[in-house]
Amino acid sequence: MKTFQRTYETLYRIYDKHRRRYRENSCDSEQMCLMWSTYDPPDVIEETEPFCDIEEAFGICIDDDTAADLYDMNLEEAAKRIIEMQ
């Protein structure tokens, strides 16, 4: 369980850093998509700063399909997926 907790906490810090950049994302619903603008979402999400931070923090590579999956997850689901990827 310690691994999940550490992964979740690290992911939350990354999420919170990027979510705070967008005024429209002030609600802390712990949805991964809030790391990008919800008013003007990017056309391509892989290789964006939030995913680069996640890759660096966890030593993983996020491909296009995984990026799309993670984008639609909440933080708990994403933390579990990240652990699987490691």
PDB file of N, CA and C in Angstrom:
ATOM      1  N   MET A   1       0.819  -1.211   0.000  1.00  0.00           N
ATOM      2  CA  MET A   1       0.000   0.000   0.000  1.00  0.00           C
ATOM      3  C   MET A   1       0.856   1.265   0.000  1.00  0.00           C
ATOM      4  N   LYS A   2       2.068   1.180   0.566  1.00  0.00           N
ATOM      5  CA  LYS A   2       2.929   2.354   0.595  1.00  0.00           C
ATOM      6  C   LYS A   2       3.265   2.823  -0.817  1.00  0.00           C
ATOM      7  N   THR A   3       3.458   1.880  -1.723  1.00  0.00           N
ATOM      8  CA  THR A   3       3.774   2.249  -3.100  1.00  0.00           C
ATOM      9  C   THR A   3       2.632   3.047  -3.712  1.00  0.00           C
ATOM     10  N   PHE A   4       1.390   2.581  -3.514  1.00  0.00           N
ATOM     11  CA  PHE A   4       0.246   3.315  -4.054  1.00  0.00           C
ATOM     12  C   PHE A   4       0.180   4.705  -3.452  1.00  0.00           C
ATOM     13  N   GLN A   5       0.338   4.811  -2.139  1.00  0.00           N
ATOM     14  CA  GLN A   5       0.238   6.107  -1.470  1.00  0.00           C
ATOM     15  C   GLN A   5       1.296   7.081  -1.988  1.00  0.00           C
ATOM     16  N   ARG A   6       2.528   6.600  -2.125  1.00  0.00           N
ATOM     17  CA  ARG A   6       3.608   7.462  -2.646  1.00  0.00           C
ATOM     18  C   ARG A   6       3.312   7.891  -4.079  1.00  0.00           C
ATOM     19  N   THR A   7       2.862   6.948  -4.889  1.00  0.00           N
ATOM     20  CA  THR A   7       2.542   7.253  -6.289  1.00  0.00           C
ATOM     21  C   THR A   7       1.413   8.266  -6.351  1.00  0.00           C
ATOM     22  N   TYR A   8       0.385   8.047  -5.578  1.00  0.00           N
ATOM     23  CA  TYR A   8      -0.763   8.959  -5.559  1.00  0.00           C
ATOM     24  C   TYR A   8      -0.329  10.362  -5.123  1.00  0.00           C
ATOM     25  N   GLU A   9       0.450  10.453  -4.063  1.00  0.00           N
ATOM     26  CA  GLU A   9       0.878  11.761  -3.557  1.00  0.00           C
ATOM     27  C   GLU A   9       1.734  12.501  -4.578  1.00  0.00           C
ATOM     28  N   THR A  10       2.647  11.799  -5.227  1.00  0.00           N
ATOM     29  CA  THR A  10       3.479  12.421  -6.256  1.00  0.00           C
ATOM     30  C   THR A  10       2.617  12.879  -7.427  1.00  0.00           C
ATOM     31  N   LEU A  11       1.707  12.022  -7.845  1.00  0.00           N
ATOM     32  CA  LEU A  11       0.805  12.379  -8.938  1.00  0.00           C
ATOM     33  C   LEU A  11      -0.067  13.561  -8.557  1.00  0.00           C
ATOM     34  N   TYR A  12      -0.541  13.612  -7.331  1.00  0.00           N
ATOM     35  CA  TYR A  12      -1.380  14.730  -6.885  1.00  0.00           C
ATOM     36  C   TYR A  12      -0.603  16.046  -6.942  1.00  0.00           C
ATOM     37  N   ARG A  13       0.655  16.014  -6.535  1.00  0.00           N
ATOM     38  CA  ARG A  13       1.465  17.242  -6.600  1.00  0.00           C
ATOM     39  C   ARG A  13       1.596  17.740  -8.047  1.00  0.00           C
ATOM     40  N   ILE A  14       1.806  16.822  -8.966  1.00  0.00           N
ATOM     41  CA  ILE A  14       1.908  17.196 -10.387  1.00  0.00           C
ATOM     42  C   ILE A  14       0.556  17.732 -10.873  1.00  0.00           C
ATOM     43  N   TYR A  15      -0.493  17.029 -10.531  1.00  0.00           N
ATOM     44  CA  TYR A  15      -1.856  17.435 -10.904  1.00  0.00           C
ATOM     45  C   TYR A  15      -2.159  18.835 -10.367  1.00  0.00           C
ATOM     46  N   ASP A  16      -1.871  19.063  -9.095  1.00  0.00           N
ATOM     47  CA  ASP A  16      -2.193  20.343  -8.470  1.00  0.00           C
ATOM     48  C   ASP A  16      -1.393  21.484  -9.097  1.00  0.00           C
ATOM     49  N   LYS A  17      -0.143  21.227  -9.406  1.00  0.00           N
ATOM     50  CA  LYS A  17       0.710  22.235 -10.056  1.00  0.00           C
ATOM     51  C   LYS A  17       0.099  22.683 -11.386  1.00  0.00           C
ATOM     52  N   HIS A  18      -0.310  21.730 -12.189  1.00  0.00           N
ATOM     53  CA  HIS A  18      -0.824  22.073 -13.517  1.00  0.00           C
ATOM     54  C   HIS A  18      -2.273  22.558 -13.479  1.00  0.00           C
ATOM     55  N   ARG A  19      -3.078  22.007 -12.590  1.00  0.00           N
ATOM     56  CA  ARG A  19      -4.484  22.424 -12.487  1.00  0.00           C
ATOM     57  C   ARG A  19      -4.586  23.892 -12.108  1.00  0.00           C
ATOM     58  N   ARG A  20      -3.724  24.337 -11.243  1.00  0.00           N
ATOM     59  CA  ARG A  20      -3.780  25.725 -10.751  1.00  0.00           C
ATOM     60  C   ARG A  20      -3.472  26.757 -11.850  1.00  0.00           C
ATOM     61  N   ARG A  21      -2.933  26.318 -12.955  1.00  0.00           N
ATOM     62  CA  ARG A  21      -2.626  27.239 -14.062  1.00  0.00           C
ATOM     63  C   ARG A  21      -3.882  27.705 -14.790  1.00  0.00           C
ATOM     64  N   TYR A  22      -4.985  27.012 -14.575  1.00  0.00           N
ATOM     65  CA  TYR A  22      -6.213  27.308 -15.318  1.00  0.00           C
ATOM     66  C   TYR A  22      -7.323  27.689 -14.354  1.00  0.00           C
ATOM     67  N   ARG A  23      -7.709  28.926 -14.430  1.00  0.00           N
ATOM     68  CA  ARG A  23      -8.726  29.469 -13.542  1.00  0.00           C
ATOM     69  C   ARG A  23     -10.011  28.641 -13.570  1.00  0.00           C
ATOM     70  N   GLU A  24     -10.363  28.146 -14.757  1.00  0.00           N
ATOM     71  CA  GLU A  24     -11.598  27.380 -14.903  1.00  0.00           C
ATOM     72  C   GLU A  24     -11.529  26.022 -14.202  1.00  0.00           C
ATOM     73  N   ASN A  25     -10.331  25.601 -13.806  1.00  0.00           N
ATOM     74  CA  ASN A  25     -10.153  24.300 -13.176  1.00  0.00           C
ATOM     75  C   ASN A  25      -9.980  24.413 -11.663  1.00  0.00           C
ATOM     76  N   SER A  26     -10.637  25.377 -11.055  1.00  0.00           N
ATOM     77  CA  SER A  26     -10.463  25.596  -9.626  1.00  0.00           C
ATOM     78  C   SER A  26     -11.092  24.491  -8.777  1.00  0.00           C
ATOM     79  N   CYS A  27     -12.033  23.767  -9.316  1.00  0.00           N
ATOM     80  CA  CYS A  27     -12.659  22.650  -8.607  1.00  0.00           C
ATOM     81  C   CYS A  27     -11.666  21.492  -8.524  1.00  0.00           C
ATOM     82  N   ASP A  28     -11.429  21.004  -7.331  1.00  0.00           N
ATOM     83  CA  ASP A  28     -10.475  19.914  -7.144  1.00  0.00           C
ATOM     84  C   ASP A  28     -11.203  18.572  -7.193  1.00  0.00           C
ATOM     85  N   SER A  29     -11.602  18.158  -8.387  1.00  0.00           N
ATOM     86  CA  SER A  29     -12.346  16.906  -8.540  1.00  0.00           C
ATOM     87  C   SER A  29     -11.423  15.709  -8.757  1.00  0.00           C
ATOM     88  N   GLU A  30     -10.114  15.967  -8.797  1.00  0.00           N
ATOM     89  CA  GLU A  30      -9.098  14.931  -8.983  1.00  0.00           C
ATOM     90  C   GLU A  30      -9.250  14.182 -10.310  1.00  0.00           C
ATOM     91  N   GLN A  31      -9.707  14.877 -11.324  1.00  0.00           N
ATOM     92  CA  GLN A  31      -9.781  14.331 -12.671  1.00  0.00           C
ATOM     93  C   GLN A  31      -8.518  14.751 -13.416  1.00  0.00           C
ATOM     94  N   MET A  32      -7.848  13.793 -14.012  1.00  0.00           N
ATOM     95  CA  MET A  32      -6.592  14.072 -14.710  1.00  0.00           C
ATOM     96  C   MET A  32      -6.741  15.164 -15.773  1.00  0.00           C
ATOM     97  N   CYS A  33      -7.877  15.232 -16.434  1.00  0.00           N
ATOM     98  CA  CYS A  33      -8.080  16.200 -17.519  1.00  0.00           C
ATOM     99  C   CYS A  33      -7.943  17.643 -17.048  1.00  0.00           C
ATOM    100  N   LEU A  34      -8.030  17.875 -15.749  1.00  0.00           N
ATOM    101  CA  LEU A  34      -7.933  19.240 -15.240  1.00  0.00           C
ATOM    102  C   LEU A  34      -6.512  19.793 -15.269  1.00  0.00           C
ATOM    103  N   MET A  35      -5.555  18.979 -15.684  1.00  0.00           N
ATOM    104  CA  MET A  35      -4.187  19.489 -15.819  1.00  0.00           C
ATOM    105  C   MET A  35      -4.023  20.284 -17.109  1.00  0.00           C
ATOM    106  N   TRP A  36      -5.038  20.310 -17.930  1.00  0.00           N
ATOM    107  CA  TRP A  36      -5.058  21.086 -19.168  1.00  0.00           C
ATOM    108  C   TRP A  36      -6.277  21.988 -19.134  1.00  0.00           C
ATOM    109  N   SER A  37      -6.273  23.015 -19.946  1.00  0.00           N
ATOM    110  CA  SER A  37      -7.408  23.915 -20.013  1.00  0.00           C
ATOM    111  C   SER A  37      -8.671  23.147 -20.417  1.00  0.00           C
ATOM    112  N   THR A  38      -9.743  23.366 -19.698  1.00  0.00           N
ATOM    113  CA  THR A  38     -11.010  22.735 -20.084  1.00  0.00           C
ATOM    114  C   THR A  38     -11.783  23.631 -21.050  1.00  0.00           C
ATOM    115  N   TYR A  39     -11.421  24.901 -21.129  1.00  0.00           N
ATOM    116  CA  TYR A  39     -12.047  25.808 -22.102  1.00  0.00           C
ATOM    117  C   TYR A  39     -11.408  25.682 -23.475  1.00  0.00           C
ATOM    118  N   ASP A  40     -10.122  25.446 -23.489  1.00  0.00           N
ATOM    119  CA  ASP A  40      -9.383  25.346 -24.744  1.00  0.00           C
ATOM    120  C   ASP A  40      -8.402  24.177 -24.659  1.00  0.00           C
ATOM    121  N   PRO A  41      -8.927  22.940 -24.628  1.00  0.00           N
ATOM    122  CA  PRO A  41      -8.029  21.791 -24.470  1.00  0.00           C
ATOM    123  C   PRO A  41      -7.097  21.637 -25.666  1.00  0.00           C
ATOM    124  N   PRO A  42      -5.917  21.099 -25.427  1.00  0.00           N
ATOM    125  CA  PRO A  42      -4.970  20.924 -26.528  1.00  0.00           C
ATOM    126  C   PRO A  42      -5.468  19.857 -27.500  1.00  0.00           C
ATOM    127  N   ASP A  43      -5.089  19.986 -28.756  1.00  0.00           N
ATOM    128  CA  ASP A  43      -5.443  18.988 -29.759  1.00  0.00           C
ATOM    129  C   ASP A  43      -4.678  17.689 -29.532  1.00  0.00           C
ATOM    130  N   VAL A  44      -3.462  17.829 -29.053  1.00  0.00           N
ATOM    131  CA  VAL A  44      -2.598  16.675 -28.794  1.00  0.00           C
ATOM    132  C   VAL A  44      -2.144  16.781 -27.344  1.00  0.00           C
ATOM    133  N   ILE A  45      -2.366  15.723 -26.557  1.00  0.00           N
ATOM    134  CA  ILE A  45      -2.002  15.796 -25.142  1.00  0.00           C
ATOM    135  C   ILE A  45      -0.707  15.076 -24.796  1.00  0.00           C
ATOM    136  N   GLU A  46      -0.325  14.070 -25.606  1.00  0.00           N
ATOM    137  CA  GLU A  46       0.936  13.397 -25.304  1.00  0.00           C
ATOM    138  C   GLU A  46       2.072  14.398 -25.528  1.00  0.00           C
ATOM    139  N   GLU A  47       3.107  14.216 -24.754  1.00  0.00           N
ATOM    140  CA  GLU A  47       4.282  15.084 -24.794  1.00  0.00           C
ATOM    141  C   GLU A  47       4.000  16.519 -24.360  1.00  0.00           C
ATOM    142  N   THR A  48       2.899  16.736 -23.638  1.00  0.00           N
ATOM    143  CA  THR A  48       2.649  18.046 -23.038  1.00  0.00           C
ATOM    144  C   THR A  48       3.333  18.073 -21.670  1.00  0.00           C
ATOM    145  N   GLU A  49       3.474  19.236 -21.106  1.00  0.00           N
ATOM    146  CA  GLU A  49       4.220  19.384 -19.853  1.00  0.00           C
ATOM    147  C   GLU A  49       3.698  18.484 -18.722  1.00  0.00           C
ATOM    148  N   PRO A  50       2.375  18.371 -18.512  1.00  0.00           N
ATOM    149  CA  PRO A  50       1.932  17.471 -17.438  1.00  0.00           C
ATOM    150  C   PRO A  50       2.412  16.034 -17.635  1.00  0.00           C
ATOM    151  N   PHE A  51       2.323  15.516 -18.853  1.00  0.00           N
ATOM    152  CA  PHE A  51       2.770  14.148 -19.082  1.00  0.00           C
ATOM    153  C   PHE A  51       4.290  14.031 -19.019  1.00  0.00           C
ATOM    154  N   CYS A  52       4.998  15.055 -19.445  1.00  0.00           N
ATOM    155  CA  CYS A  52       6.462  15.032 -19.313  1.00  0.00           C
ATOM    156  C   CYS A  52       6.851  14.978 -17.839  1.00  0.00           C
ATOM    157  N   ASP A  53       6.145  15.741 -16.993  1.00  0.00           N
ATOM    158  CA  ASP A  53       6.416  15.710 -15.554  1.00  0.00           C
ATOM    159  C   ASP A  53       6.134  14.325 -14.971  1.00  0.00           C
ATOM    160  N   ILE A  54       5.043  13.698 -15.402  1.00  0.00           N
ATOM    161  CA  ILE A  54       4.689  12.360 -14.921  1.00  0.00           C
ATOM    162  C   ILE A  54       5.735  11.346 -15.364  1.00  0.00           C
ATOM    163  N   GLU A  55       6.138  11.423 -16.631  1.00  0.00           N
ATOM    164  CA  GLU A  55       7.157  10.493 -17.137  1.00  0.00           C
ATOM    165  C   GLU A  55       8.446  10.619 -16.332  1.00  0.00           C
ATOM    166  N   GLU A  56       8.861  11.838 -16.075  1.00  0.00           N
ATOM    167  CA  GLU A  56      10.103  12.077 -15.336  1.00  0.00           C
ATOM    168  C   GLU A  56       9.996  11.601 -13.889  1.00  0.00           C
ATOM    169  N   ALA A  57       8.876  11.891 -13.250  1.00  0.00           N
ATOM    170  CA  ALA A  57       8.701  11.537 -11.836  1.00  0.00           C
ATOM    171  C   ALA A  57       8.662  10.035 -11.611  1.00  0.00           C
ATOM    172  N   PHE A  58       8.110   9.300 -12.580  1.00  0.00           N
ATOM    173  CA  PHE A  58       7.908   7.869 -12.376  1.00  0.00           C
ATOM    174  C   PHE A  58       8.789   6.985 -13.266  1.00  0.00           C
ATOM    175  N   GLY A  59       9.588   7.595 -14.111  1.00  0.00           N
ATOM    176  CA  GLY A  59      10.479   6.816 -14.970  1.00  0.00           C
ATOM    177  C   GLY A  59       9.724   5.942 -15.960  1.00  0.00           C
ATOM    178  N   ILE A  60       8.675   6.495 -16.545  1.00  0.00           N
ATOM    179  CA  ILE A  60       7.857   5.753 -17.507  1.00  0.00           C
ATOM    180  C   ILE A  60       7.777   6.520 -18.818  1.00  0.00           C
ATOM    181  N   CYS A  61       7.312   5.853 -19.867  1.00  0.00           N
ATOM    182  CA  CYS A  61       7.041   6.470 -21.162  1.00  0.00           C
ATOM    183  C   CYS A  61       5.542   6.391 -21.413  1.00  0.00           C
ATOM    184  N   ILE A  62       4.961   7.500 -21.797  1.00  0.00           N
ATOM    185  CA  ILE A  62       3.521   7.551 -22.050  1.00  0.00           C
ATOM    186  C   ILE A  62       3.303   7.726 -23.543  1.00  0.00           C
ATOM    187  N   ASP A  63       2.726   6.693 -24.171  1.00  0.00           N
ATOM    188  CA  ASP A  63       2.440   6.774 -25.606  1.00  0.00           C
ATOM    189  C   ASP A  63       1.067   7.419 -25.833  1.00  0.00           C
ATOM    190  N   ASP A  64       0.687   7.568 -27.094  1.00  0.00           N
ATOM    191  CA  ASP A  64      -0.568   8.241 -27.446  1.00  0.00           C
ATOM    192  C   ASP A  64      -1.791   7.603 -26.793  1.00  0.00           C
ATOM    193  N   ASP A  65      -1.885   6.281 -26.880  1.00  0.00           N
ATOM    194  CA  ASP A  65      -3.048   5.581 -26.328  1.00  0.00           C
ATOM    195  C   ASP A  65      -3.106   5.708 -24.812  1.00  0.00           C
ATOM    196  N   THR A  66      -1.962   5.564 -24.173  1.00  0.00           N
ATOM    197  CA  THR A  66      -1.921   5.683 -22.714  1.00  0.00           C
ATOM    198  C   THR A  66      -2.255   7.100 -22.281  1.00  0.00           C
ATOM    199  N   ALA A  67      -1.770   8.082 -23.019  1.00  0.00           N
ATOM    200  CA  ALA A  67      -2.079   9.476 -22.703  1.00  0.00           C
ATOM    201  C   ALA A  67      -3.588   9.713 -22.741  1.00  0.00           C
ATOM    202  N   ALA A  68      -4.239   9.196 -23.760  1.00  0.00           N
ATOM    203  CA  ALA A  68      -5.692   9.364 -23.877  1.00  0.00           C
ATOM    204  C   ALA A  68      -6.415   8.671 -22.724  1.00  0.00           C
ATOM    205  N   ASP A  69      -5.943   7.478 -22.363  1.00  0.00           N
ATOM    206  CA  ASP A  69      -6.550   6.760 -21.239  1.00  0.00           C
ATOM    207  C   ASP A  69      -6.369   7.521 -19.933  1.00  0.00           C
ATOM    208  N   LEU A  70      -5.146   7.958 -19.655  1.00  0.00           N
ATOM    209  CA  LEU A  70      -4.867   8.678 -18.416  1.00  0.00           C
ATOM    210  C   LEU A  70      -5.656   9.987 -18.342  1.00  0.00           C
ATOM    211  N   TYR A  71      -5.782  10.670 -19.435  1.00  0.00           N
ATOM    212  CA  TYR A  71      -6.517  11.936 -19.503  1.00  0.00           C
ATOM    213  C   TYR A  71      -7.942  11.762 -18.976  1.00  0.00           C
ATOM    214  N   ASP A  72      -8.550  10.618 -19.249  1.00  0.00           N
ATOM    215  CA  ASP A  72      -9.937  10.360 -18.863  1.00  0.00           C
ATOM    216  C   ASP A  72     -10.093   9.738 -17.478  1.00  0.00           C
ATOM    217  N   MET A  73      -9.008   9.532 -16.755  1.00  0.00           N
ATOM    218  CA  MET A  73      -9.064   8.876 -15.443  1.00  0.00           C
ATOM    219  C   MET A  73      -9.089   9.896 -14.314  1.00  0.00           C
ATOM    220  N   ASN A  74      -9.479   9.401 -13.135  1.00  0.00           N
ATOM    221  CA  ASN A  74      -9.270  10.203 -11.938  1.00  0.00           C
ATOM    222  C   ASN A  74      -7.887   9.839 -11.383  1.00  0.00           C
ATOM    223  N   LEU A  75      -7.434  10.546 -10.388  1.00  0.00           N
ATOM    224  CA  LEU A  75      -6.073  10.351  -9.889  1.00  0.00           C
ATOM    225  C   LEU A  75      -5.845   8.949  -9.323  1.00  0.00           C
ATOM    226  N   GLU A  76      -6.833   8.389  -8.660  1.00  0.00           N
ATOM    227  CA  GLU A  76      -6.679   7.050  -8.095  1.00  0.00           C
ATOM    228  C   GLU A  76      -6.476   6.017  -9.200  1.00  0.00           C
ATOM    229  N   GLU A  77      -7.293   6.093 -10.229  1.00  0.00           N
ATOM    230  CA  GLU A  77      -7.154   5.174 -11.362  1.00  0.00           C
ATOM    231  C   GLU A  77      -5.801   5.363 -12.046  1.00  0.00           C
ATOM    232  N   ALA A  78      -5.417   6.624 -12.222  1.00  0.00           N
ATOM    233  CA  ALA A  78      -4.148   6.915 -12.892  1.00  0.00           C
ATOM    234  C   ALA A  78      -2.960   6.417 -12.073  1.00  0.00           C
ATOM    235  N   ALA A  79      -3.015   6.563 -10.758  1.00  0.00           N
ATOM    236  CA  ALA A  79      -1.927   6.079  -9.906  1.00  0.00           C
ATOM    237  C   ALA A  79      -1.773   4.567 -10.055  1.00  0.00           C
ATOM    238  N   LYS A  80      -2.880   3.859 -10.086  1.00  0.00           N
ATOM    239  CA  LYS A  80      -2.828   2.407 -10.270  1.00  0.00           C
ATOM    240  C   LYS A  80      -2.234   2.055 -11.627  1.00  0.00           C
ATOM    241  N   ARG A  81      -2.614   2.785 -12.649  1.00  0.00           N
ATOM    242  CA  ARG A  81      -2.090   2.534 -14.006  1.00  0.00           C
ATOM    243  C   ARG A  81      -0.596   2.809 -14.069  1.00  0.00           C
ATOM    244  N   ILE A  82      -0.160   3.867 -13.421  1.00  0.00           N
ATOM    245  CA  ILE A  82       1.256   4.207 -13.398  1.00  0.00           C
ATOM    246  C   ILE A  82       2.060   3.099 -12.733  1.00  0.00           C
ATOM    247  N   ILE A  83       1.551   2.559 -11.626  1.00  0.00           N
ATOM    248  CA  ILE A  83       2.232   1.464 -10.936  1.00  0.00           C
ATOM    249  C   ILE A  83       2.349   0.265 -11.865  1.00  0.00           C
ATOM    250  N   GLU A  84       1.288  -0.036 -12.605  1.00  0.00           N
ATOM    251  CA  GLU A  84       1.323  -1.140 -13.574  1.00  0.00           C
ATOM    252  C   GLU A  84       2.377  -0.888 -14.648  1.00  0.00           C
ATOM    253  N   MET A  85       2.507   0.353 -15.079  1.00  0.00           N
ATOM    254  CA  MET A  85       3.458   0.699 -16.130  1.00  0.00           C
ATOM    255  C   MET A  85       4.909   0.596 -15.644  1.00  0.00           C
ATOM    256  N   GLN A  86       5.122   0.817 -14.365  1.00  0.00           N
ATOM    257  CA  GLN A  86       6.480   0.741 -13.825  1.00  0.00           C
ATOM    258  C   GLN A  86       6.914  -0.694 -13.800  1.00  0.00           C
TER     259      GLN A  86
END
